[in-house]
Protein backbone atom coordinates (compact mmCIF):
# COMPACT_ATOMS: atom_id res chain seq x y z
CA MET A 1 99.52 80.57 69.24
CA THR A 2 99.27 83.11 72.03
CA THR A 3 95.93 84.91 72.23
CA VAL A 4 95.89 88.47 73.53
CA ALA A 5 93.07 90.77 74.68
CA LEU A 6 93.65 94.52 74.49
CA ILE A 7 91.75 96.67 76.99
CA ASP A 8 92.44 100.37 76.70
CA ASP A 9 90.09 103.34 76.37
CA HIS A 10 92.29 104.88 73.65
CA GLU A 11 91.51 103.28 70.29
CA SER A 12 94.75 104.51 68.73
CA VAL A 13 96.76 102.64 71.37
CA ARG A 14 94.82 99.44 70.72
CA LEU A 15 95.27 99.72 66.96
CA GLY A 16 99.01 100.19 67.32
CA LEU A 17 99.35 97.23 69.65
CA GLU A 18 97.18 95.04 67.43
CA ALA A 19 99.28 95.75 64.34
CA VAL A 20 102.55 94.90 66.09
CA LEU A 21 101.31 91.81 67.93
CA VAL A 22 99.66 90.31 64.84
CA ARG A 23 102.84 90.92 62.88
CA ASP A 24 104.68 89.07 65.64
CA GLY A 25 102.47 86.02 65.18
CA MET A 26 99.93 86.51 67.97
CA ILE A 27 96.15 86.37 67.79
CA ILE A 28 94.11 89.35 68.99
CA ALA A 29 91.15 87.73 70.70
CA TYR A 30 89.54 91.00 71.78
CA SER A 31 90.06 94.76 71.56
CA GLY A 32 87.94 97.15 73.60
CA SER A 33 87.75 99.89 76.18
CA THR A 34 86.51 98.22 79.40
CA VAL A 35 86.85 94.96 81.30
CA GLU A 36 83.06 94.72 81.57
CA GLU A 37 82.70 94.77 77.78
CA TYR A 38 85.37 92.08 77.47
CA VAL A 39 83.67 89.82 80.03
CA ARG A 40 80.31 90.28 78.33
CA ASP A 41 81.84 89.46 74.96
CA LEU A 42 83.29 86.22 76.34
CA ARG A 43 79.90 85.17 77.69
CA ARG A 44 77.96 86.17 74.59
CA ARG A 45 80.27 84.32 72.24
CA SER A 46 81.07 81.46 74.65
CA ARG A 47 84.74 82.04 73.93
CA ARG A 48 87.80 81.05 75.92
CA PRO A 49 89.55 83.88 77.78
CA ALA A 50 92.71 85.20 76.18
CA ASP A 51 96.05 83.86 77.35
CA ILE A 52 97.28 87.41 78.03
CA VAL A 53 95.39 90.61 78.73
CA LEU A 54 97.17 93.90 78.08
CA LEU A 55 95.31 96.23 80.43
CA ASP A 56 95.49 99.99 80.70
CA LEU A 57 96.09 101.02 84.29
CA MET A 58 93.43 103.71 84.48
CA LEU A 59 90.32 103.21 82.37
CA GLY A 60 87.74 105.92 81.87
CA ASP A 61 84.69 104.01 83.12
CA GLY A 62 85.23 104.67 86.83
CA THR A 63 86.47 101.18 87.70
CA THR A 64 89.45 100.64 90.00
CA VAL A 65 92.68 98.85 89.23
CA THR A 66 91.89 96.16 91.80
CA GLU A 67 88.44 95.52 90.35
CA ASN A 68 89.73 95.16 86.81
CA VAL A 69 92.75 92.99 87.55
CA SER A 70 90.77 90.78 89.94
CA ARG A 71 88.13 90.05 87.28
CA LEU A 72 90.80 88.91 84.83
CA VAL A 73 93.53 87.02 86.69
CA ALA A 74 91.52 83.87 87.35
CA ASP A 75 91.54 83.06 83.62
CA SER A 76 94.33 85.13 82.04
CA ALA A 77 97.74 86.56 82.81
CA VAL A 78 97.47 90.34 83.10
CA ILE A 79 100.15 92.76 81.95
CA ILE A 80 99.46 96.37 82.83
CA HIS A 81 100.26 98.62 79.88
CA SER A 82 100.40 102.17 81.12
CA VAL A 83 102.58 105.06 82.16
CA ALA A 84 104.78 104.26 85.14
CA ASP A 85 104.18 107.48 87.05
CA ARG A 86 101.30 106.23 89.19
CA PRO A 87 103.16 104.03 91.70
CA ALA A 88 100.21 103.63 94.09
CA ALA A 89 98.01 102.32 91.27
CA VAL A 90 100.85 100.11 90.01
CA ARG A 91 101.25 98.63 93.47
CA GLU A 92 97.49 98.06 93.67
CA GLY A 93 97.52 96.23 90.34
CA LEU A 94 100.39 94.00 91.39
CA ALA A 95 98.68 93.25 94.72
CA ALA A 96 95.60 92.15 92.77
CA GLY A 97 97.68 89.67 90.77
CA ALA A 98 99.02 91.40 87.66
CA ALA A 99 102.19 89.83 86.23
CA GLY A 100 103.89 93.19 85.82
CA ILE A 101 103.78 96.46 83.96
CA VAL A 102 105.11 97.65 80.62
CA SER A 103 105.31 101.39 80.16
CA LYS A 104 103.51 102.97 77.22
CA SER A 105 106.76 104.78 76.51
CA SER A 106 108.55 101.48 75.91
CA PRO A 107 109.40 100.35 72.35
CA MET A 108 106.91 97.92 70.86
CA SER A 109 109.60 95.24 70.91
CA VAL A 110 109.55 95.45 74.71
CA VAL A 111 105.78 94.91 74.74
CA THR A 112 105.94 91.85 72.48
CA ARG A 113 108.82 90.41 74.50
CA ALA A 114 106.82 90.88 77.72
CA VAL A 115 103.82 89.09 76.22
CA ARG A 116 105.95 86.17 75.06
CA LEU A 117 107.72 85.89 78.42
CA VAL A 118 104.50 85.83 80.43
CA ALA A 119 102.80 83.48 77.95
CA SER A 120 105.66 81.01 78.40
CA GLY A 121 105.34 81.15 82.17
CA GLU A 122 108.46 83.22 82.71
CA PRO A 123 108.50 86.09 85.23
CA LEU A 124 108.36 89.57 83.81
CA ASP A 125 111.64 91.08 84.99
CA ASN A 126 110.92 94.74 84.47
CA VAL A 127 112.85 97.16 86.65
CA GLU A 128 110.80 100.14 85.51
CA TRP A 129 107.69 99.33 87.50
CA ALA A 130 109.76 98.08 90.41
CA ALA A 131 111.61 101.38 90.56
CA ALA A 132 108.34 103.29 90.39
CA VAL A 133 106.89 101.36 93.31
CA GLU A 134 110.02 101.62 95.39
CA SER A 135 110.21 105.38 94.81
CA ASP A 136 106.64 105.86 95.97
CA THR A 137 107.29 108.04 99.01
CA ALA A 138 103.55 108.36 99.63
CA PHE A 139 103.31 104.62 100.25
CA ALA A 140 104.41 104.84 103.87
CA ASN A 141 104.37 102.10 106.46
CA ALA A 142 101.49 102.58 108.88
CA HIS A 143 103.43 100.68 111.61
CA LEU A 144 100.49 98.59 112.78
CA SER A 145 100.85 96.50 115.91
CA GLU A 146 100.45 92.74 115.70
CA ARG A 147 96.94 92.93 117.17
CA GLU A 148 95.96 95.71 114.78
CA ARG A 149 97.23 93.65 111.85
CA ASP A 150 95.21 90.64 113.04
CA VAL A 151 92.07 92.74 113.36
CA LEU A 152 92.59 94.36 109.96
CA ARG A 153 93.26 91.00 108.29
CA LEU A 154 89.93 89.58 109.47
CA TYR A 155 87.91 92.76 109.05
CA ALA A 156 89.24 93.38 105.54
CA ALA A 157 88.36 89.79 104.63
CA GLY A 158 84.71 90.77 105.11
CA LEU A 159 83.96 89.75 108.68
CA PRO A 160 81.79 92.01 110.89
CA VAL A 161 83.44 93.57 113.94
CA LYS A 162 81.57 91.22 116.31
CA VAL A 163 82.89 88.15 114.48
CA VAL A 164 86.40 89.60 114.43
CA ALA A 165 86.21 90.11 118.19
CA THR A 166 85.01 86.54 118.73
CA ARG A 167 87.72 85.07 116.50
CA LEU A 168 90.45 86.92 118.40
CA GLY A 169 88.93 86.41 121.83
CA VAL A 170 88.62 90.11 122.60
CA ALA A 171 85.73 92.41 123.49
CA TYR A 172 83.70 94.02 120.72
CA SER A 173 84.80 97.45 121.95
CA THR A 174 88.46 96.39 121.75
CA ALA A 175 88.14 95.19 118.15
CA LYS A 176 86.30 98.37 117.18
CA GLU A 177 88.94 100.50 118.87
CA ASN A 178 91.68 98.64 116.97
CA ILE A 179 89.96 99.37 113.67
CA GLN A 180 89.71 103.05 114.59
CA ARG A 181 93.42 103.12 115.44
CA VAL A 182 94.27 101.41 112.15
CA ARG A 183 92.31 104.07 110.25
CA ALA A 184 94.04 106.82 112.22
CA LYS A 185 97.50 105.39 111.49
CA TYR A 186 96.81 105.09 107.76
CA LEU A 187 95.51 108.66 107.73
CA VAL A 188 98.68 109.95 109.40
CA VAL A 189 100.89 108.44 106.66
CA GLY A 190 98.72 109.79 103.86
CA ARG A 191 96.86 106.57 103.05
CA PRO A 192 93.31 107.33 104.27
CA ALA A 193 90.88 104.44 104.68
CA PRO A 194 87.50 105.82 105.75
CA THR A 195 85.48 102.87 104.42
CA LYS A 196 85.71 99.11 104.69
CA VAL A 197 86.59 98.89 100.99
CA ASP A 198 89.46 101.31 101.59
CA LEU A 199 90.70 99.21 104.50
CA MET A 200 90.56 96.11 102.30
CA ARG A 201 92.71 97.87 99.71
CA ARG A 202 95.24 98.94 102.34
CA ALA A 203 95.36 95.38 103.65
CA MET A 204 96.00 94.07 100.10
CA GLU A 205 98.68 96.69 99.51
CA ASP A 206 100.43 95.62 102.70
CA GLY A 207 100.10 91.92 101.92
CA LEU A 208 97.72 91.14 104.78
CA VAL A 209 94.96 89.71 102.57
CA ASP A 210 94.82 88.36 99.04
CA ALA A 211 92.94 90.07 96.25
CA PRO A 212 89.53 88.47 95.53
CA THR A 213 89.74 85.93 92.70
CA ASP A 214 86.21 84.54 92.39
CA SER A 215 83.41 87.06 92.06
CA GLY A 216 85.63 90.09 92.32
CA ARG A 217 83.15 91.68 94.70
CA HIS A 218 84.23 93.82 97.60
CA PRO A 219 82.67 94.59 100.99
CA GLU A 220 80.07 97.35 100.99
CA PRO A 221 81.63 100.76 101.62
CA THR A 222 80.43 101.29 105.18
CA ARG A 223 82.35 102.98 107.95
CA ASP A 224 81.69 100.10 110.27
CA ASP A 225 79.83 96.78 110.61
């Protein structure tokens, strides 16, 4: 039987999902409001992670989409269950490894079908989230040069500027200047990245680096290294 974890900070949403999924023959392995609580529950009870996690896009504990999805995808398939009017956050969740999104406005039959599809290894063919992402006019291309992309890829992976410069065979000042230009270009298109964490997110959004899958930790939010 498919096991499902429900993570949403609205109890009424979780109760509705639980009733429908149980009726459809699935096992609710967990129901709670944060990813941290879920992870702690798994450790405390020494339980196996759920096959599927239905995750609200924006939780009320201050965590980011990337942080939450990244902590879950190593052990479970993640389906984002949220409204589809936050395309930037949807894109961030998909970049971190989520299988797809099901809108909260969808009929419950759509939710159960999505869970069964993903549990069986099938792709979640949902045009709703795809349309939301594609219509995201704020997600503009920063038009980075090849060298800027190389610098960003290494820097966003956690390397200090000096190491980036050495890897690429350029001067420290050149690597630093490239990072400054990258930040300026993202700012111009409305995707500011003042910290290293922000740059890592932009790099993930643009497919330059993969989302972290082990500890889920990110670089410290400094303006430079």
